[in-house]
Protein backbone atom coordinates (compact mmCIF):
# COMPACT_ATOMS: atom_id res chain seq x y z
CA MET A 1 156.37 -16.05 24.81
CA PRO A 2 152.70 -15.42 25.64
CA VAL A 3 151.85 -11.96 26.95
CA GLU A 4 148.63 -11.09 28.75
CA PHE A 5 147.22 -7.91 30.20
CA GLU A 6 145.27 -7.91 33.46
CA GLU A 7 144.18 -5.57 36.21
CA TYR A 8 145.15 -5.68 39.86
CA ASN A 9 143.23 -3.43 42.24
CA GLY A 10 142.12 -1.36 39.24
CA ASN A 11 145.65 -0.91 37.87
CA PRO A 12 147.00 -2.34 34.61
CA VAL A 13 149.41 -5.27 34.85
CA ILE A 14 151.39 -7.09 32.16
CA VAL A 15 151.99 -10.84 32.49
CA LEU A 16 154.94 -12.51 30.73
CA LYS A 17 154.99 -16.30 30.46
CA LYS A 18 157.63 -18.74 29.21
CA ASP A 19 154.79 -20.79 27.68
CA GLU A 20 151.05 -21.29 28.09
CA ASN A 21 151.59 -23.64 31.06
CA ASP A 22 153.96 -21.38 33.01
CA ALA A 23 153.00 -21.79 36.68
CA TYR A 24 154.98 -18.74 37.79
CA PRO A 25 154.61 -15.94 35.24
CA PHE A 26 156.35 -12.59 35.62
CA ARG A 27 153.78 -9.90 36.51
CA PHE A 28 154.40 -6.19 36.89
CA GLY A 29 152.62 -2.87 36.66
CA LEU A 30 153.23 0.48 35.07
CA ARG A 31 155.80 1.78 37.58
CA LYS A 32 158.02 -1.27 37.25
CA ALA A 33 157.56 -1.25 33.47
CA GLN A 34 158.80 2.35 33.41
CA LEU A 35 161.83 1.40 35.54
CA ILE A 36 162.62 -1.47 33.18
CA LEU A 37 162.46 0.81 30.13
CA GLU A 38 164.63 3.46 31.81
CA ASN A 39 167.26 0.82 32.63
CA ILE A 40 166.98 -1.53 29.64
CA ASP A 41 170.63 -1.08 28.64
CA GLU A 42 171.84 -2.05 32.12
CA ILE A 43 169.48 -5.03 32.14
CA LYS A 44 170.90 -6.17 28.78
CA LYS A 45 174.46 -5.85 30.13
CA PHE A 46 173.49 -7.85 33.21
CA VAL A 47 172.03 -10.65 31.10
CA GLU A 48 175.02 -10.80 28.76
CA LYS A 49 177.46 -10.87 31.67
CA ASN A 50 175.64 -13.57 33.60
CA LYS A 51 174.03 -15.89 31.07
CA LYS A 52 175.51 -19.33 30.73
């Protein structure tokens, strides 16, 4: 999965793509990245419970 780093209004942003041609990548900044890290175990449980 390609990962890129950008800036938005002077703030760092990470961009996650399924592949190089992903038209709708997942972008988020530092605050959301911190929330994800603080809740990674719950996110993993959510994925395991709901993946098909």
